[in-house]
PDB file of N, CA and C in Angstrom:
ATOM      1  N   MET A   1     165.897  55.904 255.243  1.00  0.00           N
ATOM      2  CA  MET A   1     164.675  56.697 255.283  1.00  0.00           C
ATOM      3  C   MET A   1     164.868  57.967 254.452  1.00  0.00           C
ATOM      4  N   SER A   2     163.845  58.352 253.775  1.00  0.00           N
ATOM      5  CA  SER A   2     163.908  59.500 252.878  1.00  0.00           C
ATOM      6  C   SER A   2     163.057  60.647 253.417  1.00  0.00           C
ATOM      7  N   ASP A   3     163.486  61.859 253.117  1.00  0.00           N
ATOM      8  CA  ASP A   3     162.710  63.037 253.518  1.00  0.00           C
ATOM      9  C   ASP A   3     161.884  63.566 252.357  1.00  0.00           C
ATOM     10  N   GLU A   4     161.662  62.731 251.344  1.00  0.00           N
ATOM     11  CA  GLU A   4     160.889  63.165 250.185  1.00  0.00           C
ATOM     12  C   GLU A   4     159.445  63.426 250.584  1.00  0.00           C
ATOM     13  N   LEU A   5     158.870  64.435 249.954  1.00  0.00           N
ATOM     14  CA  LEU A   5     157.467  64.763 250.177  1.00  0.00           C
ATOM     15  C   LEU A   5     156.598  63.688 249.545  1.00  0.00           C
ATOM     16  N   VAL A   6     155.668  63.163 250.300  1.00  0.00           N
ATOM     17  CA  VAL A   6     154.755  62.151 249.776  1.00  0.00           C
ATOM     18  C   VAL A   6     153.429  62.828 249.471  1.00  0.00           C
ATOM     19  N   ARG A   7     152.967  62.680 248.251  1.00  0.00           N
ATOM     20  CA  ARG A   7     151.679  63.262 247.854  1.00  0.00           C
ATOM     21  C   ARG A   7     150.578  62.254 248.133  1.00  0.00           C
ATOM     22  N   ILE A   8     149.587  62.657 248.882  1.00  0.00           N
ATOM     23  CA  ILE A   8     148.459  61.795 249.198  1.00  0.00           C
ATOM     24  C   ILE A   8     147.228  62.401 248.543  1.00  0.00           C
ATOM     25  N   PRO A   9     146.496  61.617 247.736  1.00  0.00           N
ATOM     26  CA  PRO A   9     145.271  62.162 247.140  1.00  0.00           C
ATOM     27  C   PRO A   9     144.298  62.594 248.239  1.00  0.00           C
ATOM     28  N   ILE A  10     143.696  63.746 248.060  1.00  0.00           N
ATOM     29  CA  ILE A  10     142.758  64.261 249.052  1.00  0.00           C
ATOM     30  C   ILE A  10     141.353  63.801 248.674  1.00  0.00           C
ATOM     31  N   THR A  11     140.765  62.996 249.563  1.00  0.00           N
ATOM     32  CA  THR A  11     139.377  62.552 249.390  1.00  0.00           C
ATOM     33  C   THR A  11     138.652  62.878 250.695  1.00  0.00           C
ATOM     34  N   ASP A  12     137.395  62.466 250.786  1.00  0.00           N
ATOM     35  CA  ASP A  12     136.628  62.759 252.004  1.00  0.00           C
ATOM     36  C   ASP A  12     136.901  61.750 253.120  1.00  0.00           C
ATOM     37  N   VAL A  13     137.750  60.749 252.856  1.00  0.00           N
ATOM     38  CA  VAL A  13     138.135  59.775 253.881  1.00  0.00           C
ATOM     39  C   VAL A  13     139.649  59.749 253.974  1.00  0.00           C
ATOM     40  N   PHE A  14     140.172  59.863 255.195  1.00  0.00           N
ATOM     41  CA  PHE A  14     141.611  59.839 255.409  1.00  0.00           C
ATOM     42  C   PHE A  14     141.920  58.793 256.470  1.00  0.00           C
ATOM     43  N   ASP A  15     142.666  57.754 256.061  1.00  0.00           N
ATOM     44  CA  ASP A  15     143.024  56.658 256.959  1.00  0.00           C
ATOM     45  C   ASP A  15     144.436  56.893 257.490  1.00  0.00           C
ATOM     46  N   LEU A  16     144.544  57.086 258.784  1.00  0.00           N
ATOM     47  CA  LEU A  16     145.833  57.397 259.410  1.00  0.00           C
ATOM     48  C   LEU A  16     146.676  56.158 259.720  1.00  0.00           C
ATOM     49  N   HIS A  17     146.207  54.973 259.388  1.00  0.00           N
ATOM     50  CA  HIS A  17     146.952  53.760 259.724  1.00  0.00           C
ATOM     51  C   HIS A  17     148.348  53.730 259.103  1.00  0.00           C
ATOM     52  N   THR A  18     148.574  54.445 258.015  1.00  0.00           N
ATOM     53  CA  THR A  18     149.890  54.436 257.371  1.00  0.00           C
ATOM     54  C   THR A  18     150.783  55.591 257.841  1.00  0.00           C
ATOM     55  N   VAL A  19     150.266  56.439 258.709  1.00  0.00           N
ATOM     56  CA  VAL A  19     151.014  57.616 259.172  1.00  0.00           C
ATOM     57  C   VAL A  19     151.718  57.294 260.495  1.00  0.00           C
ATOM     58  N   PRO A  20     153.036  57.500 260.565  1.00  0.00           N
ATOM     59  CA  PRO A  20     153.731  57.267 261.845  1.00  0.00           C
ATOM     60  C   PRO A  20     153.151  58.182 262.926  1.00  0.00           C
ATOM     61  N   PRO A  21     153.008  57.672 264.155  1.00  0.00           N
ATOM     62  CA  PRO A  21     152.395  58.468 265.227  1.00  0.00           C
ATOM     63  C   PRO A  21     153.011  59.863 265.404  1.00  0.00           C
ATOM     64  N   ARG A  22     154.313  59.995 265.254  1.00  0.00           N
ATOM     65  CA  ARG A  22     154.954  61.308 265.427  1.00  0.00           C
ATOM     66  C   ARG A  22     154.525  62.320 264.368  1.00  0.00           C
ATOM     67  N   ASP A  23     153.979  61.832 263.244  1.00  0.00           N
ATOM     68  CA  ASP A  23     153.588  62.714 262.141  1.00  0.00           C
ATOM     69  C   ASP A  23     152.101  63.009 262.093  1.00  0.00           C
ATOM     70  N   VAL A  24     151.313  62.407 262.979  1.00  0.00           N
ATOM     71  CA  VAL A  24     149.854  62.530 262.891  1.00  0.00           C
ATOM     72  C   VAL A  24     149.401  63.989 262.928  1.00  0.00           C
ATOM     73  N   LYS A  25     149.882  64.765 263.893  1.00  0.00           N
ATOM     74  CA  LYS A  25     149.413  66.151 264.035  1.00  0.00           C
ATOM     75  C   LYS A  25     149.671  66.979 262.771  1.00  0.00           C
ATOM     76  N   PRO A  26     150.923  67.069 262.276  1.00  0.00           N
ATOM     77  CA  PRO A  26     151.138  67.894 261.080  1.00  0.00           C
ATOM     78  C   PRO A  26     150.441  67.349 259.832  1.00  0.00           C
ATOM     79  N   VAL A  27     150.335  66.031 259.721  1.00  0.00           N
ATOM     80  CA  VAL A  27     149.677  65.449 258.553  1.00  0.00           C
ATOM     81  C   VAL A  27     148.178  65.753 258.572  1.00  0.00           C
ATOM     82  N   VAL A  28     147.547  65.657 259.737  1.00  0.00           N
ATOM     83  CA  VAL A  28     146.114  65.972 259.838  1.00  0.00           C
ATOM     84  C   VAL A  28     145.888  67.457 259.571  1.00  0.00           C
ATOM     85  N   GLU A  29     146.762  68.323 260.088  1.00  0.00           N
ATOM     86  CA  GLU A  29     146.629  69.759 259.825  1.00  0.00           C
ATOM     87  C   GLU A  29     146.706  70.040 258.322  1.00  0.00           C
ATOM     88  N   ALA A  30     147.671  69.419 257.637  1.00  0.00           N
ATOM     89  CA  ALA A  30     147.827  69.625 256.192  1.00  0.00           C
ATOM     90  C   ALA A  30     146.627  69.059 255.426  1.00  0.00           C
ATOM     91  N   TYR A  31     146.153  67.888 255.841  1.00  0.00           N
ATOM     92  CA  TYR A  31     144.987  67.284 255.197  1.00  0.00           C
ATOM     93  C   TYR A  31     143.760  68.193 255.310  1.00  0.00           C
ATOM     94  N   LEU A  32     143.515  68.715 256.504  1.00  0.00           N
ATOM     95  CA  LEU A  32     142.361  69.593 256.703  1.00  0.00           C
ATOM     96  C   LEU A  32     142.444  70.834 255.825  1.00  0.00           C
ATOM     97  N   GLU A  33     143.636  71.436 255.758  1.00  0.00           N
ATOM     98  CA  GLU A  33     143.829  72.632 254.910  1.00  0.00           C
ATOM     99  C   GLU A  33     143.479  72.321 253.455  1.00  0.00           C
ATOM    100  N   GLU A  34     144.013  71.207 252.944  1.00  0.00           N
ATOM    101  CA  GLU A  34     143.771  70.846 251.547  1.00  0.00           C
ATOM    102  C   GLU A  34     142.309  70.500 251.298  1.00  0.00           C
ATOM    103  N   ALA A  35     141.699  69.727 252.202  1.00  0.00           N
ATOM    104  CA  ALA A  35     140.293  69.360 252.040  1.00  0.00           C
ATOM    105  C   ALA A  35     139.413  70.606 252.035  1.00  0.00           C
ATOM    106  N   HIS A  36     139.756  71.559 252.908  1.00  0.00           N
ATOM    107  CA  HIS A  36     139.012  72.822 252.972  1.00  0.00           C
ATOM    108  C   HIS A  36     139.165  73.605 251.664  1.00  0.00           C
ATOM    109  N   LYS A  37     140.402  73.694 251.160  1.00  0.00           N
ATOM    110  CA  LYS A  37     140.654  74.403 249.897  1.00  0.00           C
ATOM    111  C   LYS A  37     139.887  73.775 248.742  1.00  0.00           C
ATOM    112  N   LEU A  38     139.749  72.448 248.770  1.00  0.00           N
ATOM    113  CA  LEU A  38     139.055  71.731 247.698  1.00  0.00           C
ATOM    114  C   LEU A  38     137.535  71.783 247.842  1.00  0.00           C
ATOM    115  N   GLY A  39     137.046  72.363 248.947  1.00  0.00           N
ATOM    116  CA  GLY A  39     135.608  72.557 249.112  1.00  0.00           C
ATOM    117  C   GLY A  39     134.858  71.428 249.787  1.00  0.00           C
ATOM    118  N   PHE A  40     135.582  70.475 250.374  1.00  0.00           N
ATOM    119  CA  PHE A  40     134.889  69.404 251.094  1.00  0.00           C
ATOM    120  C   PHE A  40     134.154  69.979 252.297  1.00  0.00           C
ATOM    121  N   LYS A  41     132.988  69.423 252.576  1.00  0.00           N
ATOM    122  CA  LYS A  41     132.201  69.857 253.734  1.00  0.00           C
ATOM    123  C   LYS A  41     132.090  68.766 254.788  1.00  0.00           C
ATOM    124  N   ALA A  42     132.237  67.508 254.383  1.00  0.00           N
ATOM    125  CA  ALA A  42     132.126  66.380 255.307  1.00  0.00           C
ATOM    126  C   ALA A  42     133.309  65.437 255.093  1.00  0.00           C
ATOM    127  N   LEU A  43     133.972  65.070 256.179  1.00  0.00           N
ATOM    128  CA  LEU A  43     135.143  64.207 256.127  1.00  0.00           C
ATOM    129  C   LEU A  43     135.016  63.090 257.146  1.00  0.00           C
ATOM    130  N   ARG A  44     135.763  62.013 256.896  1.00  0.00           N
ATOM    131  CA  ARG A  44     135.887  60.948 257.890  1.00  0.00           C
ATOM    132  C   ARG A  44     137.367  60.670 258.054  1.00  0.00           C
ATOM    133  N   ILE A  45     137.865  60.820 259.266  1.00  0.00           N
ATOM    134  CA  ILE A  45     139.264  60.544 259.571  1.00  0.00           C
ATOM    135  C   ILE A  45     139.305  59.250 260.376  1.00  0.00           C
ATOM    136  N   ILE A  46     139.981  58.251 259.829  1.00  0.00           N
ATOM    137  CA  ILE A  46     140.080  56.945 260.483  1.00  0.00           C
ATOM    138  C   ILE A  46     141.388  56.915 261.273  1.00  0.00           C
ATOM    139  N   HIS A  47     141.265  56.861 262.591  1.00  0.00           N
ATOM    140  CA  HIS A  47     142.451  56.871 263.449  1.00  0.00           C
ATOM    141  C   HIS A  47     142.638  55.556 264.173  1.00  0.00           C
ATOM    142  N   GLY A  48     141.656  54.679 264.115  1.00  0.00           N
ATOM    143  CA  GLY A  48     141.737  53.394 264.789  1.00  0.00           C
ATOM    144  C   GLY A  48     141.288  53.503 266.238  1.00  0.00           C
ATOM    145  N   ARG A  49     141.099  52.360 266.855  1.00  0.00           N
ATOM    146  CA  ARG A  49     140.618  52.351 268.236  1.00  0.00           C
ATOM    147  C   ARG A  49     141.778  52.367 269.210  1.00  0.00           C
ATOM    148  N   GLY A  50     142.595  51.342 269.209  1.00  0.00           N
ATOM    149  CA  GLY A  50     143.775  51.294 270.070  1.00  0.00           C
ATOM    150  C   GLY A  50     143.525  51.837 271.468  1.00  0.00           C
ATOM    151  N   ILE A  51     144.482  52.620 271.970  1.00  0.00           N
ATOM    152  CA  ILE A  51     144.341  53.207 273.314  1.00  0.00           C
ATOM    153  C   ILE A  51     143.783  54.626 273.261  1.00  0.00           C
ATOM    154  N   GLY A  52     143.497  55.106 272.058  1.00  0.00           N
ATOM    155  CA  GLY A  52     142.873  56.421 271.908  1.00  0.00           C
ATOM    156  C   GLY A  52     143.829  57.576 271.747  1.00  0.00           C
ATOM    157  N   ALA A  53     145.138  57.310 271.663  1.00  0.00           N
ATOM    158  CA  ALA A  53     146.122  58.399 271.558  1.00  0.00           C
ATOM    159  C   ALA A  53     145.965  59.173 270.249  1.00  0.00           C
ATOM    160  N   GLN A  54     145.846  58.449 269.124  1.00  0.00           N
ATOM    161  CA  GLN A  54     145.690  59.145 267.847  1.00  0.00           C
ATOM    162  C   GLN A  54     144.362  59.884 267.787  1.00  0.00           C
ATOM    163  N   ARG A  55     143.330  59.294 268.345  1.00  0.00           N
ATOM    164  CA  ARG A  55     142.012  59.947 268.380  1.00  0.00           C
ATOM    165  C   ARG A  55     142.124  61.299 269.096  1.00  0.00           C
ATOM    166  N   GLU A  56     142.844  61.323 270.222  1.00  0.00           N
ATOM    167  CA  GLU A  56     143.006  62.570 270.976  1.00  0.00           C
ATOM    168  C   GLU A  56     143.809  63.605 270.190  1.00  0.00           C
ATOM    169  N   ILE A  57     144.848  63.159 269.482  1.00  0.00           N
ATOM    170  CA  ILE A  57     145.641  64.082 268.654  1.00  0.00           C
ATOM    171  C   ILE A  57     144.750  64.675 267.570  1.00  0.00           C
ATOM    172  N   VAL A  58     144.019  63.803 266.870  1.00  0.00           N
ATOM    173  CA  VAL A  58     143.132  64.258 265.788  1.00  0.00           C
ATOM    174  C   VAL A  58     142.112  65.265 266.322  1.00  0.00           C
ATOM    175  N   ARG A  59     141.490  64.942 267.438  1.00  0.00           N
ATOM    176  CA  ARG A  59     140.454  65.832 267.967  1.00  0.00           C
ATOM    177  C   ARG A  59     141.029  67.133 268.516  1.00  0.00           C
ATOM    178  N   GLY A  60     142.263  67.091 268.995  1.00  0.00           N
ATOM    179  CA  GLY A  60     142.932  68.318 269.417  1.00  0.00           C
ATOM    180  C   GLY A  60     143.141  69.259 268.240  1.00  0.00           C
ATOM    181  N   VAL A  61     143.552  68.698 267.112  1.00  0.00           N
ATOM    182  CA  VAL A  61     143.732  69.498 265.891  1.00  0.00           C
ATOM    183  C   VAL A  61     142.385  70.050 265.433  1.00  0.00           C
ATOM    184  N   LEU A  62     141.362  69.195 265.411  1.00  0.00           N
ATOM    185  CA  LEU A  62     140.034  69.631 264.963  1.00  0.00           C
ATOM    186  C   LEU A  62     139.502  70.772 265.830  1.00  0.00           C
ATOM    187  N   ALA A  63     139.693  70.667 267.137  1.00  0.00           N
ATOM    188  CA  ALA A  63     139.178  71.683 268.064  1.00  0.00           C
ATOM    189  C   ALA A  63     139.838  73.046 267.832  1.00  0.00           C
ATOM    190  N   LYS A  64     141.064  73.048 267.311  1.00  0.00           N
ATOM    191  CA  LYS A  64     141.797  74.304 267.107  1.00  0.00           C
ATOM    192  C   LYS A  64     141.717  74.830 265.674  1.00  0.00           C
ATOM    193  N   THR A  65     141.019  74.117 264.803  1.00  0.00           N
ATOM    194  CA  THR A  65     140.951  74.508 263.396  1.00  0.00           C
ATOM    195  C   THR A  65     139.704  75.359 263.168  1.00  0.00           C
ATOM    196  N   GLU A  66     139.918  76.612 262.775  1.00  0.00           N
ATOM    197  CA  GLU A  66     138.811  77.581 262.713  1.00  0.00           C
ATOM    198  C   GLU A  66     137.700  77.207 261.741  1.00  0.00           C
ATOM    199  N   PHE A  67     138.000  76.487 260.666  1.00  0.00           N
ATOM    200  CA  PHE A  67     136.963  76.157 259.687  1.00  0.00           C
ATOM    201  C   PHE A  67     136.300  74.800 259.950  1.00  0.00           C
ATOM    202  N   VAL A  68     136.607  74.175 261.081  1.00  0.00           N
ATOM    203  CA  VAL A  68     135.906  72.948 261.485  1.00  0.00           C
ATOM    204  C   VAL A  68     134.655  73.371 262.248  1.00  0.00           C
ATOM    205  N   GLU A  69     133.509  72.995 261.719  1.00  0.00           N
ATOM    206  CA  GLU A  69     132.237  73.354 262.357  1.00  0.00           C
ATOM    207  C   GLU A  69     131.919  72.403 263.511  1.00  0.00           C
ATOM    208  N   SER A  70     132.115  71.096 263.282  1.00  0.00           N
ATOM    209  CA  SER A  70     131.824  70.107 264.329  1.00  0.00           C
ATOM    210  C   SER A  70     132.536  68.799 264.016  1.00  0.00           C
ATOM    211  N   PHE A  71     132.616  67.929 265.034  1.00  0.00           N
ATOM    212  CA  PHE A  71     133.143  66.582 264.838  1.00  0.00           C
ATOM    213  C   PHE A  71     132.539  65.665 265.883  1.00  0.00           C
ATOM    214  N   ARG A  72     132.494  64.371 265.537  1.00  0.00           N
ATOM    215  CA  ARG A  72     131.855  63.382 266.406  1.00  0.00           C
ATOM    216  C   ARG A  72     132.351  61.995 266.014  1.00  0.00           C
ATOM    217  N   ASP A  73     132.055  61.009 266.875  1.00  0.00           N
ATOM    218  CA  ASP A  73     132.353  59.625 266.522  1.00  0.00           C
ATOM    219  C   ASP A  73     131.579  59.247 265.264  1.00  0.00           C
ATOM    220  N   ALA A  74     132.194  58.413 264.449  1.00  0.00           N
ATOM    221  CA  ALA A  74     131.508  57.911 263.259  1.00  0.00           C
ATOM    222  C   ALA A  74     130.416  56.929 263.686  1.00  0.00           C
ATOM    223  N   PRO A  75     129.387  56.756 262.843  1.00  0.00           N
ATOM    224  CA  PRO A  75     128.400  55.719 263.148  1.00  0.00           C
ATOM    225  C   PRO A  75     129.094  54.346 263.140  1.00  0.00           C
ATOM    226  N   ALA A  76     128.499  53.378 263.794  1.00  0.00           N
ATOM    227  CA  ALA A  76     129.100  52.043 263.915  1.00  0.00           C
ATOM    228  C   ALA A  76     129.528  51.471 262.568  1.00  0.00           C
ATOM    229  N   GLU A  77     128.699  51.633 261.553  1.00  0.00           N
ATOM    230  CA  GLU A  77     129.004  51.062 260.231  1.00  0.00           C
ATOM    231  C   GLU A  77     130.150  51.788 259.513  1.00  0.00           C
ATOM    232  N   ALA A  78     130.557  52.937 260.042  1.00  0.00           N
ATOM    233  CA  ALA A  78     131.644  53.713 259.427  1.00  0.00           C
ATOM    234  C   ALA A  78     132.879  53.781 260.329  1.00  0.00           C
ATOM    235  N   GLY A  79     132.947  52.895 261.314  1.00  0.00           N
ATOM    236  CA  GLY A  79     134.140  52.849 262.155  1.00  0.00           C
ATOM    237  C   GLY A  79     133.915  53.119 263.626  1.00  0.00           C
ATOM    238  N   GLY A  80     132.708  53.578 263.986  1.00  0.00           N
ATOM    239  CA  GLY A  80     132.430  53.866 265.393  1.00  0.00           C
ATOM    240  C   GLY A  80     133.468  54.799 265.991  1.00  0.00           C
ATOM    241  N   TRP A  81     133.937  54.506 267.211  1.00  0.00           N
ATOM    242  CA  TRP A  81     134.888  55.407 267.848  1.00  0.00           C
ATOM    243  C   TRP A  81     136.307  55.253 267.301  1.00  0.00           C
ATOM    244  N   GLY A  82     136.479  54.421 266.264  1.00  0.00           N
ATOM    245  CA  GLY A  82     137.772  54.311 265.585  1.00  0.00           C
ATOM    246  C   GLY A  82     137.902  55.306 264.443  1.00  0.00           C
ATOM    247  N   ALA A  83     136.870  56.124 264.251  1.00  0.00           N
ATOM    248  CA  ALA A  83     136.887  57.146 263.204  1.00  0.00           C
ATOM    249  C   ALA A  83     136.128  58.373 263.692  1.00  0.00           C
ATOM    250  N   THR A  84     136.471  59.518 263.139  1.00  0.00           N
ATOM    251  CA  THR A  84     135.819  60.772 263.520  1.00  0.00           C
ATOM    252  C   THR A  84     135.225  61.408 262.270  1.00  0.00           C
ATOM    253  N   MET A  85     133.952  61.748 262.372  1.00  0.00           N
ATOM    254  CA  MET A  85     133.252  62.468 261.306  1.00  0.00           C
ATOM    255  C   MET A  85     133.453  63.966 261.544  1.00  0.00           C
ATOM    256  N   VAL A  86     133.772  64.686 260.479  1.00  0.00           N
ATOM    257  CA  VAL A  86     134.089  66.105 260.592  1.00  0.00           C
ATOM    258  C   VAL A  86     133.204  66.889 259.640  1.00  0.00           C
ATOM    259  N   THR A  87     132.643  67.998 260.114  1.00  0.00           N
ATOM    260  CA  THR A  87     131.884  68.915 259.259  1.00  0.00           C
ATOM    261  C   THR A  87     132.692  70.219 259.178  1.00  0.00           C
ATOM    262  N   LEU A  88     132.957  70.647 257.943  1.00  0.00           N
ATOM    263  CA  LEU A  88     133.697  71.897 257.718  1.00  0.00           C
ATOM    264  C   LEU A  88     132.729  73.018 257.370  1.00  0.00           C
ATOM    265  N   ARG A  89     133.096  74.240 257.700  1.00  0.00           N
ATOM    266  CA  ARG A  89     132.288  75.415 257.357  1.00  0.00           C
ATOM    267  C   ARG A  89     132.384  75.702 255.879  1.00  0.00           C
TER     268      ARG A  89
END
């Protein structure tokens, strides 16, 4: 295993399926910072359905991030409760 920094292109959709569960919190925090710096106003974070653990981590980060205006479940066609729609200030 390598400790090399992995660069992920910042877009308005972030799929967490490739992120190890132990890294979800810091990766989501870094993603939000970069998306905010780039001027994004609307994001979709795909965390999957599963047992809801990643969803809770993601929403915990969103609730504590000062530039997050709101968040909610995605519409059914965009992932339903397996994804979270985020509005940034």
